[in-house]
Amino acid sequence: MIHPALILLMGILSLFNTPSAQQQAPLLTIDFSLYSKGDQEFGHVAILYYLAQEGREFNGRNVYNWAAQASHQRELSRDTMAKIIDLLRGLPDSKEKDIPKDRLVIVTLRDGNEVKLKAFHCKRLPRAMKEILELLGGIRFELKDVIEFSATGI
């Protein structure tokens, strides 16, 4: 089963006019699942943040089997990239199990040859996630009333 965020990611990569053979795996993806529908169920909505190794940032709303909507992209400076990577490396492991689908946030970081996958509840995100999202272009309007950050921790 192909995750809809992966399908959206492939479409995003094509926007960057880079030949497929030269495309690298993303440095970072953050996937906010907004509904309890299955990943490949018509109408499933996810908010995706994507960061390429070269500093290209993209965020958008993906409605499975329908559209990529309200997307934004820009180039980030090396300093901003370094700050994001430091914050990501410091993210704690989630202690939560069985997070409901409509509250699930998946963070995927490629750190060298290692892929780190972390899952969080959208109402209990680590404090560092707020700064990461701000550096990635800001907290999207669809998430403003959906996500919350812990008062303590990173």
N, C-alpha and C. Protein backbone atom coordinates (compact mmCIF):
# COMPACT_ATOMS: atom_id res chain seq x y z
N MET A 1 0.84 -1.17 0.00
CA MET A 1 0.00 0.00 0.00
C MET A 1 0.89 1.24 0.00
N ILE A 2 0.68 2.13 -0.95
CA ILE A 2 1.47 3.35 -1.06
C ILE A 2 0.80 4.44 -0.23
N HIS A 3 1.56 5.06 0.63
CA HIS A 3 1.05 6.14 1.48
C HIS A 3 0.78 7.36 0.59
N PRO A 4 -0.36 8.05 0.76
CA PRO A 4 -0.68 9.19 -0.09
C PRO A 4 0.36 10.30 -0.01
N ALA A 5 1.02 10.43 1.12
CA ALA A 5 2.04 11.47 1.25
C ALA A 5 3.19 11.18 0.28
N LEU A 6 3.45 9.91 0.04
CA LEU A 6 4.51 9.53 -0.90
C LEU A 6 4.12 9.91 -2.32
N ILE A 7 2.86 9.72 -2.66
CA ILE A 7 2.37 10.10 -3.98
C ILE A 7 2.49 11.61 -4.16
N LEU A 8 2.09 12.36 -3.13
CA LEU A 8 2.20 13.81 -3.18
C LEU A 8 3.66 14.22 -3.29
N LEU A 9 4.52 13.54 -2.56
CA LEU A 9 5.94 13.85 -2.57
C LEU A 9 6.53 13.67 -3.96
N MET A 10 6.12 12.62 -4.66
CA MET A 10 6.62 12.39 -6.01
C MET A 10 6.18 13.54 -6.92
N GLY A 11 4.97 14.00 -6.75
CA GLY A 11 4.49 15.14 -7.52
C GLY A 11 5.25 16.41 -7.19
N ILE A 12 5.56 16.58 -5.92
CA ILE A 12 6.32 17.76 -5.48
C ILE A 12 7.69 17.76 -6.13
N LEU A 13 8.35 16.63 -6.12
CA LEU A 13 9.68 16.54 -6.69
C LEU A 13 9.69 16.94 -8.16
N SER A 14 8.61 16.61 -8.86
CA SER A 14 8.55 16.97 -10.27
C SER A 14 8.46 18.47 -10.47
N LEU A 15 7.97 19.19 -9.48
CA LEU A 15 7.89 20.65 -9.57
C LEU A 15 9.26 21.30 -9.55
N PHE A 16 10.24 20.62 -9.01
CA PHE A 16 11.56 21.21 -8.86
C PHE A 16 12.42 21.05 -10.12
N ASN A 17 11.85 20.52 -11.19
CA ASN A 17 12.56 20.38 -12.46
C ASN A 17 13.90 19.69 -12.34
N THR A 18 13.97 18.68 -11.52
CA THR A 18 15.19 17.90 -11.35
C THR A 18 14.96 16.54 -11.99
N PRO A 19 15.88 16.09 -12.85
CA PRO A 19 15.70 14.76 -13.44
C PRO A 19 15.57 13.70 -12.36
N SER A 20 14.73 12.72 -12.59
CA SER A 20 14.46 11.68 -11.60
C SER A 20 15.72 11.01 -11.08
N ALA A 21 16.67 10.78 -11.96
CA ALA A 21 17.89 10.08 -11.55
C ALA A 21 18.69 10.89 -10.54
N GLN A 22 18.51 12.22 -10.53
CA GLN A 22 19.27 13.07 -9.62
C GLN A 22 18.50 13.40 -8.35
N GLN A 23 17.24 13.04 -8.26
CA GLN A 23 16.44 13.38 -7.09
C GLN A 23 16.89 12.56 -5.89
N GLN A 24 17.11 13.26 -4.80
CA GLN A 24 17.48 12.58 -3.57
C GLN A 24 16.23 12.40 -2.72
N ALA A 25 16.32 11.46 -1.80
CA ALA A 25 15.23 11.29 -0.84
C ALA A 25 15.13 12.57 -0.01
N PRO A 26 13.94 12.93 0.42
CA PRO A 26 13.79 14.15 1.21
C PRO A 26 14.54 14.05 2.54
N LEU A 27 15.03 15.17 2.99
CA LEU A 27 15.67 15.24 4.29
C LEU A 27 14.61 15.07 5.38
N LEU A 28 13.46 15.66 5.16
CA LEU A 28 12.41 15.69 6.17
C LEU A 28 11.04 15.67 5.53
N THR A 29 10.13 14.89 6.12
CA THR A 29 8.70 15.02 5.83
C THR A 29 7.97 15.03 7.16
N ILE A 30 6.96 15.87 7.24
CA ILE A 30 6.06 15.90 8.41
C ILE A 30 4.66 15.75 7.85
N ASP A 31 3.95 14.75 8.30
CA ASP A 31 2.64 14.39 7.76
C ASP A 31 1.61 14.49 8.89
N PHE A 32 0.67 15.41 8.75
CA PHE A 32 -0.44 15.58 9.70
C PHE A 32 -1.68 14.95 9.09
N SER A 33 -2.18 13.88 9.67
CA SER A 33 -3.40 13.25 9.19
C SER A 33 -4.59 13.94 9.86
N LEU A 34 -5.51 14.48 9.05
CA LEU A 34 -6.60 15.28 9.62
C LEU A 34 -7.90 14.53 9.81
N TYR A 35 -8.04 13.36 9.22
CA TYR A 35 -9.28 12.60 9.34
C TYR A 35 -8.98 11.16 9.65
N SER A 36 -9.96 10.44 10.13
CA SER A 36 -9.75 9.04 10.49
C SER A 36 -9.91 8.11 9.29
N LYS A 37 -10.18 8.66 8.12
CA LYS A 37 -10.28 7.82 6.92
C LYS A 37 -8.94 7.16 6.65
N GLY A 38 -8.98 6.02 5.96
CA GLY A 38 -7.76 5.33 5.59
C GLY A 38 -6.92 6.18 4.65
N ASP A 39 -5.61 5.93 4.64
CA ASP A 39 -4.70 6.72 3.82
C ASP A 39 -5.10 6.77 2.36
N GLN A 40 -5.66 5.68 1.85
CA GLN A 40 -6.03 5.64 0.44
C GLN A 40 -7.54 5.69 0.24
N GLU A 41 -8.24 6.18 1.23
CA GLU A 41 -9.69 6.32 1.10
C GLU A 41 -10.00 7.70 0.51
N PHE A 42 -10.91 7.74 -0.45
CA PHE A 42 -11.27 8.99 -1.11
C PHE A 42 -11.61 10.05 -0.07
N GLY A 43 -11.02 11.22 -0.22
CA GLY A 43 -11.31 12.33 0.68
C GLY A 43 -10.41 12.42 1.89
N HIS A 44 -9.50 11.44 2.09
CA HIS A 44 -8.57 11.53 3.21
C HIS A 44 -7.70 12.77 3.02
N VAL A 45 -7.59 13.60 4.06
CA VAL A 45 -6.84 14.84 3.97
C VAL A 45 -5.63 14.79 4.90
N ALA A 46 -4.49 15.19 4.35
CA ALA A 46 -3.27 15.27 5.14
C ALA A 46 -2.57 16.59 4.80
N ILE A 47 -1.93 17.17 5.79
CA ILE A 47 -1.08 18.34 5.58
C ILE A 47 0.35 17.83 5.58
N LEU A 48 1.10 18.21 4.55
CA LEU A 48 2.45 17.70 4.40
C LEU A 48 3.45 18.85 4.35
N TYR A 49 4.49 18.71 5.15
CA TYR A 49 5.66 19.59 5.07
C TYR A 49 6.79 18.72 4.53
N TYR A 50 7.59 19.28 3.62
CA TYR A 50 8.65 18.54 2.97
C TYR A 50 9.88 19.44 2.89
N LEU A 51 11.04 18.88 3.15
CA LEU A 51 12.28 19.64 3.03
C LEU A 51 13.30 18.78 2.29
N ALA A 52 13.80 19.30 1.16
CA ALA A 52 14.81 18.60 0.37
C ALA A 52 16.20 18.88 0.93
N GLN A 53 17.13 18.00 0.60
CA GLN A 53 18.52 18.14 1.04
C GLN A 53 19.10 19.50 0.65
N GLU A 54 18.69 20.01 -0.50
CA GLU A 54 19.24 21.27 -1.02
C GLU A 54 18.60 22.50 -0.40
N GLY A 55 17.60 22.32 0.47
CA GLY A 55 16.98 23.46 1.13
C GLY A 55 15.65 23.90 0.56
N ARG A 56 15.10 23.14 -0.37
CA ARG A 56 13.78 23.48 -0.90
C ARG A 56 12.70 23.00 0.06
N GLU A 57 11.86 23.92 0.45
CA GLU A 57 10.77 23.62 1.39
C GLU A 57 9.45 23.67 0.64
N PHE A 58 8.56 22.76 0.99
CA PHE A 58 7.23 22.70 0.40
C PHE A 58 6.26 22.35 1.51
N ASN A 59 5.10 22.98 1.50
CA ASN A 59 4.02 22.52 2.37
C ASN A 59 2.72 22.65 1.60
N GLY A 60 1.82 21.71 1.87
CA GLY A 60 0.55 21.71 1.15
C GLY A 60 -0.46 20.77 1.77
N ARG A 61 -1.68 20.87 1.27
CA ARG A 61 -2.77 20.00 1.71
C ARG A 61 -2.97 18.96 0.62
N ASN A 62 -2.99 17.69 0.99
CA ASN A 62 -3.19 16.59 0.06
C ASN A 62 -4.54 15.94 0.34
N VAL A 63 -5.43 15.99 -0.64
CA VAL A 63 -6.70 15.28 -0.54
C VAL A 63 -6.53 14.05 -1.42
N TYR A 64 -6.46 12.88 -0.79
CA TYR A 64 -6.14 11.65 -1.51
C TYR A 64 -7.06 11.44 -2.70
N ASN A 65 -6.45 11.09 -3.82
CA ASN A 65 -7.16 10.76 -5.04
C ASN A 65 -8.00 11.92 -5.56
N TRP A 66 -7.59 13.13 -5.20
CA TRP A 66 -8.35 14.29 -5.64
C TRP A 66 -7.43 15.45 -6.03
N ALA A 67 -6.68 15.99 -5.05
CA ALA A 67 -5.89 17.18 -5.38
C ALA A 67 -4.82 17.46 -4.33
N ALA A 68 -3.81 18.18 -4.77
CA ALA A 68 -2.85 18.83 -3.86
C ALA A 68 -3.26 20.30 -3.88
N GLN A 69 -3.54 20.84 -2.71
CA GLN A 69 -4.12 22.18 -2.65
C GLN A 69 -3.31 23.12 -1.76
N ALA A 70 -3.45 24.41 -2.05
CA ALA A 70 -2.89 25.48 -1.22
C ALA A 70 -1.43 25.23 -0.87
N SER A 71 -0.64 24.88 -1.87
CA SER A 71 0.76 24.56 -1.59
C SER A 71 1.63 25.81 -1.68
N HIS A 72 2.73 25.76 -0.96
CA HIS A 72 3.70 26.85 -0.92
C HIS A 72 5.09 26.23 -0.98
N GLN A 73 6.01 26.90 -1.62
CA GLN A 73 7.38 26.41 -1.65
C GLN A 73 8.35 27.59 -1.64
N ARG A 74 9.54 27.34 -1.11
CA ARG A 74 10.58 28.36 -1.06
C ARG A 74 11.92 27.71 -0.77
N GLU A 75 12.97 28.48 -0.94
CA GLU A 75 14.33 28.03 -0.65
C GLU A 75 14.72 28.51 0.76
N LEU A 76 15.31 27.62 1.55
CA LEU A 76 15.76 27.98 2.89
C LEU A 76 17.27 28.20 2.88
N SER A 77 17.73 29.09 3.75
CA SER A 77 19.17 29.34 3.86
C SER A 77 19.85 28.17 4.57
N ARG A 78 21.16 28.10 4.43
CA ARG A 78 21.93 27.04 5.12
C ARG A 78 21.79 27.17 6.63
N ASP A 79 21.74 28.40 7.14
CA ASP A 79 21.58 28.60 8.59
C ASP A 79 20.24 28.07 9.07
N THR A 80 19.19 28.34 8.31
CA THR A 80 17.86 27.84 8.67
C THR A 80 17.84 26.32 8.61
N MET A 81 18.44 25.75 7.58
CA MET A 81 18.52 24.29 7.45
C MET A 81 19.24 23.68 8.67
N ALA A 82 20.36 24.27 9.05
CA ALA A 82 21.14 23.75 10.18
C ALA A 82 20.32 23.81 11.47
N LYS A 83 19.58 24.89 11.66
CA LYS A 83 18.75 25.03 12.87
C LYS A 83 17.65 23.97 12.90
N ILE A 84 17.00 23.75 11.75
CA ILE A 84 15.95 22.73 11.66
C ILE A 84 16.52 21.35 11.98
N ILE A 85 17.68 21.03 11.40
CA ILE A 85 18.29 19.72 11.63
C ILE A 85 18.64 19.54 13.11
N ASP A 86 19.18 20.57 13.74
CA ASP A 86 19.48 20.48 15.17
C ASP A 86 18.23 20.23 15.99
N LEU A 87 17.16 20.96 15.68
CA LEU A 87 15.90 20.78 16.41
C LEU A 87 15.35 19.37 16.19
N LEU A 88 15.42 18.87 14.96
CA LEU A 88 14.91 17.54 14.66
C LEU A 88 15.69 16.46 15.40
N ARG A 89 16.99 16.60 15.43
CA ARG A 89 17.82 15.61 16.14
C ARG A 89 17.52 15.58 17.63
N GLY A 90 17.04 16.69 18.15
CA GLY A 90 16.72 16.76 19.57
C GLY A 90 15.29 16.36 19.92
N LEU A 91 14.47 16.03 18.92
CA LEU A 91 13.09 15.62 19.21
C LEU A 91 13.09 14.36 20.06
N PRO A 92 12.28 14.34 21.11
CA PRO A 92 12.20 13.12 21.93
C PRO A 92 11.43 12.02 21.20
N ASP A 93 11.63 10.79 21.64
CA ASP A 93 10.82 9.70 21.13
C ASP A 93 9.45 9.80 21.77
N SER A 94 8.43 9.50 21.00
CA SER A 94 7.08 9.53 21.53
C SER A 94 6.85 8.30 22.39
N LYS A 95 6.23 8.49 23.52
CA LYS A 95 5.91 7.37 24.41
C LYS A 95 4.51 6.83 24.15
N GLU A 96 3.76 7.53 23.30
CA GLU A 96 2.36 7.16 23.07
C GLU A 96 2.24 5.98 22.12
N LYS A 97 1.27 5.16 22.41
CA LYS A 97 0.94 4.02 21.56
C LYS A 97 -0.50 4.19 21.07
N ASP A 98 -0.80 3.62 19.94
CA ASP A 98 -2.16 3.63 19.39
C ASP A 98 -2.74 5.04 19.27
N ILE A 99 -2.02 5.92 18.61
CA ILE A 99 -2.51 7.28 18.38
C ILE A 99 -3.63 7.21 17.34
N PRO A 100 -4.80 7.81 17.62
CA PRO A 100 -5.88 7.79 16.64
C PRO A 100 -5.44 8.40 15.31
N LYS A 101 -5.89 7.83 14.22
CA LYS A 101 -5.49 8.26 12.88
C LYS A 101 -5.68 9.76 12.67
N ASP A 102 -6.79 10.32 13.14
CA ASP A 102 -7.05 11.73 12.90
C ASP A 102 -6.26 12.66 13.83
N ARG A 103 -5.40 12.08 14.67
CA ARG A 103 -4.54 12.86 15.57
C ARG A 103 -3.06 12.56 15.32
N LEU A 104 -2.77 11.78 14.30
CA LEU A 104 -1.42 11.28 14.05
C LEU A 104 -0.55 12.29 13.29
N VAL A 105 0.66 12.50 13.81
CA VAL A 105 1.67 13.31 13.15
C VAL A 105 2.90 12.42 12.98
N ILE A 106 3.35 12.24 11.74
CA ILE A 106 4.51 11.40 11.47
C ILE A 106 5.65 12.30 10.99
N VAL A 107 6.78 12.22 11.68
CA VAL A 107 7.98 12.97 11.31
C VAL A 107 9.01 11.96 10.82
N THR A 108 9.49 12.16 9.60
CA THR A 108 10.52 11.29 9.02
C THR A 108 11.74 12.14 8.72
N LEU A 109 12.88 11.77 9.30
CA LEU A 109 14.13 12.50 9.09
C LEU A 109 15.18 11.55 8.55
N ARG A 110 15.82 11.95 7.47
CA ARG A 110 16.97 11.21 6.94
C ARG A 110 18.21 11.89 7.48
N ASP A 111 18.94 11.15 8.33
CA ASP A 111 20.14 11.67 8.98
C ASP A 111 21.31 10.80 8.54
N GLY A 112 22.02 11.23 7.51
CA GLY A 112 23.06 10.39 6.94
C GLY A 112 22.41 9.21 6.24
N ASN A 113 22.84 8.00 6.61
CA ASN A 113 22.24 6.78 6.04
C ASN A 113 21.09 6.26 6.89
N GLU A 114 20.79 6.94 7.96
CA GLU A 114 19.76 6.49 8.89
C GLU A 114 18.45 7.24 8.65
N VAL A 115 17.34 6.51 8.70
CA VAL A 115 16.02 7.12 8.60
C VAL A 115 15.36 7.01 9.97
N LYS A 116 14.99 8.16 10.53
CA LYS A 116 14.36 8.19 11.84
C LYS A 116 12.89 8.54 11.66
N LEU A 117 12.04 7.72 12.23
CA LEU A 117 10.60 7.90 12.12
C LEU A 117 10.05 8.10 13.52
N LYS A 118 9.30 9.19 13.71
CA LYS A 118 8.69 9.47 15.01
C LYS A 118 7.22 9.77 14.80
N ALA A 119 6.39 9.27 15.69
CA ALA A 119 4.95 9.51 15.62
C ALA A 119 4.52 10.23 16.89
N PHE A 120 3.72 11.29 16.71
CA PHE A 120 3.24 12.07 17.84
C PHE A 120 1.74 12.27 17.75
N HIS A 121 1.13 12.55 18.88
CA HIS A 121 -0.27 12.96 18.95
C HIS A 121 -0.30 14.45 18.68
N CYS A 122 -1.19 14.92 17.82
CA CYS A 122 -1.19 16.33 17.41
C CYS A 122 -1.51 17.29 18.56
N LYS A 123 -2.12 16.78 19.62
CA LYS A 123 -2.44 17.64 20.78
C LYS A 123 -1.32 17.65 21.81
N ARG A 124 -0.26 16.86 21.57
CA ARG A 124 0.85 16.79 22.53
C ARG A 124 2.19 16.79 21.79
N LEU A 125 2.37 17.74 20.88
CA LEU A 125 3.61 17.84 20.12
C LEU A 125 4.73 18.42 20.99
N PRO A 126 5.95 17.94 20.79
CA PRO A 126 7.08 18.53 21.51
C PRO A 126 7.19 20.02 21.17
N ARG A 127 7.61 20.81 22.12
CA ARG A 127 7.73 22.26 21.95
C ARG A 127 8.59 22.61 20.72
N ALA A 128 9.63 21.82 20.45
CA ALA A 128 10.53 22.10 19.32
C ALA A 128 9.80 22.03 17.98
N MET A 129 8.71 21.28 17.91
CA MET A 129 7.96 21.18 16.66
C MET A 129 7.39 22.53 16.25
N LYS A 130 7.02 23.36 17.20
CA LYS A 130 6.49 24.69 16.87
C LYS A 130 7.56 25.50 16.14
N GLU A 131 8.77 25.49 16.65
CA GLU A 131 9.85 26.24 16.02
C GLU A 131 10.20 25.64 14.65
N ILE A 132 10.18 24.32 14.55
CA ILE A 132 10.45 23.66 13.26
C ILE A 132 9.42 24.10 12.22
N LEU A 133 8.14 24.07 12.59
CA LEU A 133 7.09 24.46 11.66
C LEU A 133 7.20 25.92 11.26
N GLU A 134 7.55 26.78 12.23
CA GLU A 134 7.74 28.21 11.91
C GLU A 134 8.88 28.39 10.91
N LEU A 135 9.96 27.65 11.10
CA LEU A 135 11.10 27.74 10.19
C LEU A 135 10.77 27.19 8.80
N LEU A 136 9.82 26.27 8.76
CA LEU A 136 9.39 25.67 7.48
C LEU A 136 8.29 26.48 6.81
N GLY A 137 8.12 27.71 7.18
CA GLY A 137 7.13 28.55 6.50
C GLY A 137 5.93 28.91 7.34
N GLY A 138 5.85 28.38 8.54
CA GLY A 138 4.75 28.74 9.44
C GLY A 138 3.75 27.61 9.63
N ILE A 139 2.95 27.78 10.66
CA ILE A 139 1.90 26.79 10.95
C ILE A 139 0.73 27.10 10.03
N ARG A 140 0.40 26.12 9.20
CA ARG A 140 -0.68 26.31 8.22
C ARG A 140 -2.02 26.54 8.91
N PHE A 141 -2.88 27.30 8.24
CA PHE A 141 -4.18 27.65 8.82
C PHE A 141 -5.02 26.43 9.17
N GLU A 142 -4.87 25.33 8.42
CA GLU A 142 -5.66 24.12 8.71
C GLU A 142 -5.26 23.49 10.04
N LEU A 143 -4.08 23.82 10.53
CA LEU A 143 -3.56 23.19 11.75
C LEU A 143 -3.74 24.07 12.99
N LYS A 144 -4.06 25.33 12.82
CA LYS A 144 -4.09 26.29 13.94
C LYS A 144 -4.94 25.81 15.11
N ASP A 145 -6.11 25.24 14.84
CA ASP A 145 -6.99 24.78 15.92
C ASP A 145 -6.88 23.29 16.17
N VAL A 146 -5.94 22.62 15.49
CA VAL A 146 -5.82 21.18 15.56
C VAL A 146 -4.64 20.74 16.43
N ILE A 147 -3.55 21.49 16.36
CA ILE A 147 -2.34 21.07 17.05
C ILE A 147 -2.09 21.88 18.33
N GLU A 148 -1.41 21.24 19.27
CA GLU A 148 -1.01 21.89 20.53
C GLU A 148 0.39 21.42 20.88
N PHE A 149 1.11 22.26 21.59
CA PHE A 149 2.48 21.97 21.96
C PHE A 149 2.57 21.84 23.47
N SER A 150 3.42 20.93 23.93
CA SER A 150 3.58 20.72 25.36
C SER A 150 4.23 21.96 25.97
N ALA A 151 3.87 22.25 27.21
CA ALA A 151 4.38 23.43 27.90
C ALA A 151 5.83 23.21 28.34
N THR A 152 6.21 21.96 28.49
CA THR A 152 7.57 21.64 28.93
C THR A 152 8.27 20.85 27.86
N GLY A 153 9.50 20.54 28.10
CA GLY A 153 10.26 19.73 27.14
C GLY A 153 10.92 20.61 26.12
N ILE A 154 11.41 19.98 25.09
CA ILE A 154 12.16 20.73 24.08
C ILE A 154 11.22 21.59 23.27
